[in-house]
Amino acid sequence: MLPYTLLVLAVGAERVVELVVSRRHAAWALARGGREFGRGHYPAMVAIHTGLLVGCVAEVWLADRPFLPVLGWSMLALVAASQALRWWCVTTLGPRWNTLVIVVPGLPLVDRGPYRWLRHPNYVAVVVEGIALPLVHTAWVTALLFTLANAAVLAVRIRVENAALAQAAA
């Protein structure tokens, strides 16, 4: 259980790095006339993602969830793949990426990297990680609850983001 706890803490540390990068990128976008959209859903998104990390550790320790090697190692591979996809998105968008929805008027949509194939590849990474990270150590309740809550917040987030991008393109 300790190695799993350390994995979840490492993912949490990665989230802190994301927030630092996001804050720097948000300042860049706002300095160029960027406009923020849909701030209302952001606190719920933060709570859900924090709940994922806390739930992973709490469920494994409190419910004494076992590590099942076939499941655990395959889910760990998916966690790593989701991190790679997330950072591919971050590097592809460069200073335009952040955890908020900020659109700089006049900039064209990005159509390279993973955006060649998917409109919202970062959310694919979030969905995969939200299922895989808990299942590394069979925390299936956390995986289920996060997936349901995340689906609700992503429905709002994607709608907000698509409207913001459409308005900026008009």
C-alpha atoms as a PDB file:
ATOM      1  CA  MET A   1       0.000   0.000   0.000  1.00  0.00           C
ATOM      2  CA  LEU A   2       2.861   2.370   0.658  1.00  0.00           C
ATOM      3  CA  PRO A   3       4.152   2.290  -2.933  1.00  0.00           C
ATOM      4  CA  TYR A   4       0.621   3.080  -4.148  1.00  0.00           C
ATOM      5  CA  THR A   5       0.328   5.956  -1.689  1.00  0.00           C
ATOM      6  CA  LEU A   6       3.627   7.304  -3.012  1.00  0.00           C
ATOM      7  CA  LEU A   7       2.292   7.000  -6.576  1.00  0.00           C
ATOM      8  CA  VAL A   8      -0.810   9.011  -5.668  1.00  0.00           C
ATOM      9  CA  LEU A   9       1.366  11.609  -3.910  1.00  0.00           C
ATOM     10  CA  ALA A  10       3.514  11.833  -7.062  1.00  0.00           C
ATOM     11  CA  VAL A  11       0.384  12.441  -9.147  1.00  0.00           C
ATOM     12  CA  GLY A  12      -0.628  15.094  -6.608  1.00  0.00           C
ATOM     13  CA  ALA A  13       2.790  16.745  -6.951  1.00  0.00           C
ATOM     14  CA  GLU A  14       2.343  16.679 -10.722  1.00  0.00           C
ATOM     15  CA  ARG A  15      -0.971  18.503 -10.247  1.00  0.00           C
ATOM     16  CA  VAL A  16       0.821  21.220  -8.286  1.00  0.00           C
ATOM     17  CA  VAL A  17       3.275  21.601 -11.182  1.00  0.00           C
ATOM     18  CA  GLU A  18       0.293  21.883 -13.547  1.00  0.00           C
ATOM     19  CA  LEU A  19      -1.172  24.654 -11.410  1.00  0.00           C
ATOM     20  CA  VAL A  20       2.106  26.581 -11.464  1.00  0.00           C
ATOM     21  CA  VAL A  21       2.306  26.238 -15.257  1.00  0.00           C
ATOM     22  CA  SER A  22      -1.372  27.156 -15.546  1.00  0.00           C
ATOM     23  CA  ARG A  23      -0.981  30.306 -13.497  1.00  0.00           C
ATOM     24  CA  ARG A  24       1.953  31.437 -15.653  1.00  0.00           C
ATOM     25  CA  HIS A  25       0.033  30.664 -18.852  1.00  0.00           C
ATOM     26  CA  ALA A  26      -3.106  32.415 -17.604  1.00  0.00           C
ATOM     27  CA  ALA A  27      -1.078  35.568 -16.944  1.00  0.00           C
ATOM     28  CA  TRP A  28       0.322  35.323 -20.495  1.00  0.00           C
ATOM     29  CA  ALA A  29      -3.170  34.971 -21.990  1.00  0.00           C
ATOM     30  CA  LEU A  30      -4.723  37.766 -19.928  1.00  0.00           C
ATOM     31  CA  ALA A  31      -1.846  40.108 -20.812  1.00  0.00           C
ATOM     32  CA  ARG A  32      -2.753  39.538 -24.482  1.00  0.00           C
ATOM     33  CA  GLY A  33      -6.420  40.353 -24.040  1.00  0.00           C
ATOM     34  CA  GLY A  34      -7.542  36.855 -23.147  1.00  0.00           C
ATOM     35  CA  ARG A  35     -11.039  36.469 -21.803  1.00  0.00           C
ATOM     36  CA  GLU A  36     -12.022  33.897 -19.199  1.00  0.00           C
ATOM     37  CA  PHE A  37     -15.200  31.877 -19.595  1.00  0.00           C
ATOM     38  CA  GLY A  38     -17.194  29.666 -17.223  1.00  0.00           C
ATOM     39  CA  ARG A  39     -15.438  30.192 -13.907  1.00  0.00           C
ATOM     40  CA  GLY A  40     -18.486  28.835 -12.059  1.00  0.00           C
ATOM     41  CA  HIS A  41     -17.673  25.158 -12.655  1.00  0.00           C
ATOM     42  CA  TYR A  42     -13.995  25.472 -11.698  1.00  0.00           C
ATOM     43  CA  PRO A  43     -14.379  24.976  -7.901  1.00  0.00           C
ATOM     44  CA  ALA A  44     -16.358  21.773  -8.516  1.00  0.00           C
ATOM     45  CA  MET A  45     -13.668  20.540 -10.904  1.00  0.00           C
ATOM     46  CA  VAL A  46     -10.941  21.219  -8.331  1.00  0.00           C
ATOM     47  CA  ALA A  47     -12.953  19.445  -5.609  1.00  0.00           C
ATOM     48  CA  ILE A  48     -13.548  16.395  -7.805  1.00  0.00           C
ATOM     49  CA  HIS A  49      -9.883  16.096  -8.756  1.00  0.00           C
ATOM     50  CA  THR A  50      -8.795  16.539  -5.146  1.00  0.00           C
ATOM     51  CA  GLY A  51     -11.381  13.939  -4.150  1.00  0.00           C
ATOM     52  CA  LEU A  52      -9.869  11.513  -6.651  1.00  0.00           C
ATOM     53  CA  LEU A  53      -6.477  11.673  -4.987  1.00  0.00           C
ATOM     54  CA  VAL A  54      -7.837  11.523  -1.439  1.00  0.00           C
ATOM     55  CA  GLY A  55     -10.283   8.759  -2.372  1.00  0.00           C
ATOM     56  CA  CYS A  56      -7.565   6.629  -3.939  1.00  0.00           C
ATOM     57  CA  VAL A  57      -5.494   6.570  -0.779  1.00  0.00           C
ATOM     58  CA  ALA A  58      -8.400   6.439   1.678  1.00  0.00           C
ATOM     59  CA  GLU A  59     -10.175   3.568  -0.056  1.00  0.00           C
ATOM     60  CA  VAL A  60      -7.040   1.461  -0.361  1.00  0.00           C
ATOM     61  CA  TRP A  61      -6.078   1.940   3.279  1.00  0.00           C
ATOM     62  CA  LEU A  62      -9.541   1.890   4.882  1.00  0.00           C
ATOM     63  CA  ALA A  63     -11.066  -0.904   2.794  1.00  0.00           C
ATOM     64  CA  ASP A  64      -7.786  -2.857   2.643  1.00  0.00           C
ATOM     65  CA  ARG A  65      -7.975  -3.114  -1.138  1.00  0.00           C
ATOM     66  CA  PRO A  66      -5.560  -5.668  -2.606  1.00  0.00           C
ATOM     67  CA  PHE A  67      -3.039  -5.110  -5.346  1.00  0.00           C
ATOM     68  CA  LEU A  68      -3.952  -7.443  -8.188  1.00  0.00           C
ATOM     69  CA  PRO A  69      -0.872  -7.617 -10.437  1.00  0.00           C
ATOM     70  CA  VAL A  70      -2.611  -8.055 -13.802  1.00  0.00           C
ATOM     71  CA  LEU A  71      -5.034  -5.208 -13.095  1.00  0.00           C
ATOM     72  CA  GLY A  72      -2.534  -3.036 -11.218  1.00  0.00           C
ATOM     73  CA  TRP A  73       0.270  -3.115 -13.751  1.00  0.00           C
ATOM     74  CA  SER A  74      -2.035  -2.593 -16.723  1.00  0.00           C
ATOM     75  CA  MET A  75      -3.724   0.347 -14.992  1.00  0.00           C
ATOM     76  CA  LEU A  76      -0.321   1.799 -14.101  1.00  0.00           C
ATOM     77  CA  ALA A  77       0.554   1.692 -17.810  1.00  0.00           C
ATOM     78  CA  LEU A  78      -2.653   3.628 -18.533  1.00  0.00           C
ATOM     79  CA  VAL A  79      -1.803   6.170 -15.819  1.00  0.00           C
ATOM     80  CA  ALA A  80       1.593   6.705 -17.451  1.00  0.00           C
ATOM     81  CA  ALA A  81      -0.007   6.975 -20.902  1.00  0.00           C
ATOM     82  CA  SER A  82      -2.537   9.513 -19.627  1.00  0.00           C
ATOM     83  CA  GLN A  83       0.267  11.617 -18.132  1.00  0.00           C
ATOM     84  CA  ALA A  84       2.141  11.488 -21.431  1.00  0.00           C
ATOM     85  CA  LEU A  85      -0.975  12.564 -23.330  1.00  0.00           C
ATOM     86  CA  ARG A  86      -1.661  15.368 -20.839  1.00  0.00           C
ATOM     87  CA  TRP A  87       1.847  16.797 -21.197  1.00  0.00           C
ATOM     88  CA  TRP A  88       1.712  16.389 -24.966  1.00  0.00           C
ATOM     89  CA  CYS A  89      -1.387  18.610 -24.832  1.00  0.00           C
ATOM     90  CA  VAL A  90       0.362  21.129 -22.570  1.00  0.00           C
ATOM     91  CA  THR A  91       3.442  21.338 -24.798  1.00  0.00           C
ATOM     92  CA  THR A  92       1.375  21.491 -27.991  1.00  0.00           C
ATOM     93  CA  LEU A  93      -0.740  24.386 -26.714  1.00  0.00           C
ATOM     94  CA  GLY A  94       2.244  26.091 -25.086  1.00  0.00           C
ATOM     95  CA  PRO A  95       1.248  29.258 -23.228  1.00  0.00           C
ATOM     96  CA  ARG A  96      -2.341  28.855 -24.430  1.00  0.00           C
ATOM     97  CA  TRP A  97      -2.852  25.862 -22.085  1.00  0.00           C
ATOM     98  CA  ASN A  98      -4.129  26.380 -18.570  1.00  0.00           C
ATOM     99  CA  THR A  99      -6.661  24.872 -16.188  1.00  0.00           C
ATOM    100  CA  LEU A 100      -9.094  27.723 -16.767  1.00  0.00           C
ATOM    101  CA  VAL A 101     -10.965  28.474 -19.974  1.00  0.00           C
ATOM    102  CA  ILE A 102      -9.174  31.563 -21.274  1.00  0.00           C
ATOM    103  CA  VAL A 103      -9.302  32.398 -24.957  1.00  0.00           C
ATOM    104  CA  VAL A 104      -7.043  34.977 -26.585  1.00  0.00           C
ATOM    105  CA  PRO A 105      -8.956  36.675 -29.423  1.00  0.00           C
ATOM    106  CA  GLY A 106      -7.459  36.350 -32.875  1.00  0.00           C
ATOM    107  CA  LEU A 107      -5.441  33.210 -32.266  1.00  0.00           C
ATOM    108  CA  PRO A 108      -6.355  30.314 -34.551  1.00  0.00           C
ATOM    109  CA  LEU A 109      -7.373  26.940 -33.166  1.00  0.00           C
ATOM    110  CA  VAL A 110      -4.463  24.575 -32.623  1.00  0.00           C
ATOM    111  CA  ASP A 111      -4.580  21.719 -35.113  1.00  0.00           C
ATOM    112  CA  ARG A 112      -1.304  19.919 -34.481  1.00  0.00           C
ATOM    113  CA  GLY A 113      -0.124  17.346 -31.948  1.00  0.00           C
ATOM    114  CA  PRO A 114      -3.010  15.398 -30.442  1.00  0.00           C
ATOM    115  CA  TYR A 115      -5.392  18.138 -31.612  1.00  0.00           C
ATOM    116  CA  ARG A 116      -5.010  16.778 -35.158  1.00  0.00           C
ATOM    117  CA  TRP A 117      -7.217  13.866 -34.134  1.00  0.00           C
ATOM    118  CA  LEU A 118      -9.216  15.008 -31.102  1.00  0.00           C
ATOM    119  CA  ARG A 119     -10.885  18.274 -30.181  1.00  0.00           C
ATOM    120  CA  HIS A 120     -10.296  17.781 -26.432  1.00  0.00           C
ATOM    121  CA  PRO A 121      -7.432  15.293 -25.957  1.00  0.00           C
ATOM    122  CA  ASN A 122      -6.621  16.556 -22.473  1.00  0.00           C
ATOM    123  CA  TYR A 123     -10.032  15.399 -21.288  1.00  0.00           C
ATOM    124  CA  VAL A 124      -9.331  11.933 -22.692  1.00  0.00           C
ATOM    125  CA  ALA A 125      -6.257  11.900 -20.438  1.00  0.00           C
ATOM    126  CA  VAL A 126      -8.345  13.007 -17.454  1.00  0.00           C
ATOM    127  CA  VAL A 127     -10.988  10.325 -18.026  1.00  0.00           C
ATOM    128  CA  VAL A 128      -8.426   7.546 -18.478  1.00  0.00           C
ATOM    129  CA  GLU A 129      -6.434   8.608 -15.434  1.00  0.00           C
ATOM    130  CA  GLY A 130      -9.580   8.935 -13.319  1.00  0.00           C
ATOM    131  CA  ILE A 131     -10.414   5.308 -13.992  1.00  0.00           C
ATOM    132  CA  ALA A 132      -6.889   3.889 -14.063  1.00  0.00           C
ATOM    133  CA  LEU A 133      -5.274   5.556 -11.029  1.00  0.00           C
ATOM    134  CA  PRO A 134      -7.745   4.131  -8.506  1.00  0.00           C
ATOM    135  CA  LEU A 135      -7.739   0.735 -10.193  1.00  0.00           C
ATOM    136  CA  VAL A 136      -3.962   0.422  -9.864  1.00  0.00           C
ATOM    137  CA  HIS A 137      -4.827  -0.764  -6.338  1.00  0.00           C
ATOM    138  CA  THR A 138      -8.465  -1.867  -6.913  1.00  0.00           C
ATOM    139  CA  ALA A 139     -10.056   1.283  -5.486  1.00  0.00           C
ATOM    140  CA  TRP A 140     -13.137   0.669  -7.621  1.00  0.00           C
ATOM    141  CA  VAL A 141     -15.506   2.839  -5.560  1.00  0.00           C
ATOM    142  CA  THR A 142     -13.250   5.848  -6.086  1.00  0.00           C
ATOM    143  CA  ALA A 143     -12.968   5.062  -9.804  1.00  0.00           C
ATOM    144  CA  LEU A 144     -16.746   4.857 -10.109  1.00  0.00           C
ATOM    145  CA  LEU A 145     -17.530   7.984  -8.076  1.00  0.00           C
ATOM    146  CA  PHE A 146     -14.865  10.053  -9.816  1.00  0.00           C
ATOM    147  CA  THR A 147     -16.048   8.902 -13.236  1.00  0.00           C
ATOM    148  CA  LEU A 148     -19.648   9.903 -12.508  1.00  0.00           C
ATOM    149  CA  ALA A 149     -18.735  13.262 -10.973  1.00  0.00           C
ATOM    150  CA  ASN A 150     -16.185  13.976 -13.676  1.00  0.00           C
ATOM    151  CA  ALA A 151     -18.716  13.201 -16.421  1.00  0.00           C
ATOM    152  CA  ALA A 152     -21.027  15.832 -14.947  1.00  0.00           C
ATOM    153  CA  VAL A 153     -18.341  18.502 -14.701  1.00  0.00           C
ATOM    154  CA  LEU A 154     -16.897  17.657 -18.133  1.00  0.00           C
ATOM    155  CA  ALA A 155     -20.331  18.051 -19.711  1.00  0.00           C
ATOM    156  CA  VAL A 156     -20.348  21.642 -18.452  1.00  0.00           C
ATOM    157  CA  ARG A 157     -16.650  22.262 -19.115  1.00  0.00           C
ATOM    158  CA  ILE A 158     -16.693  21.074 -22.724  1.00  0.00           C
ATOM    159  CA  ARG A 159     -19.842  23.080 -23.459  1.00  0.00           C
ATOM    160  CA  VAL A 160     -18.202  26.223 -21.989  1.00  0.00           C
ATOM    161  CA  GLU A 161     -14.956  25.620 -23.841  1.00  0.00           C
ATOM    162  CA  ASN A 162     -16.638  24.978 -27.198  1.00  0.00           C
ATOM    163  CA  ALA A 163     -18.754  28.135 -26.836  1.00  0.00           C
ATOM    164  CA  ALA A 164     -15.685  30.191 -25.894  1.00  0.00           C
ATOM    165  CA  LEU A 165     -13.689  28.900 -28.852  1.00  0.00           C
ATOM    166  CA  ALA A 166     -16.609  29.493 -31.236  1.00  0.00           C
ATOM    167  CA  GLN A 167     -17.052  33.044 -29.971  1.00  0.00           C
ATOM    168  CA  ALA A 168     -13.325  33.765 -30.337  1.00  0.00           C
ATOM    169  CA  ALA A 169     -13.334  32.398 -33.895  1.00  0.00           C
ATOM    170  CA  ALA A 170     -16.313  34.577 -34.906  1.00  0.00           C
END
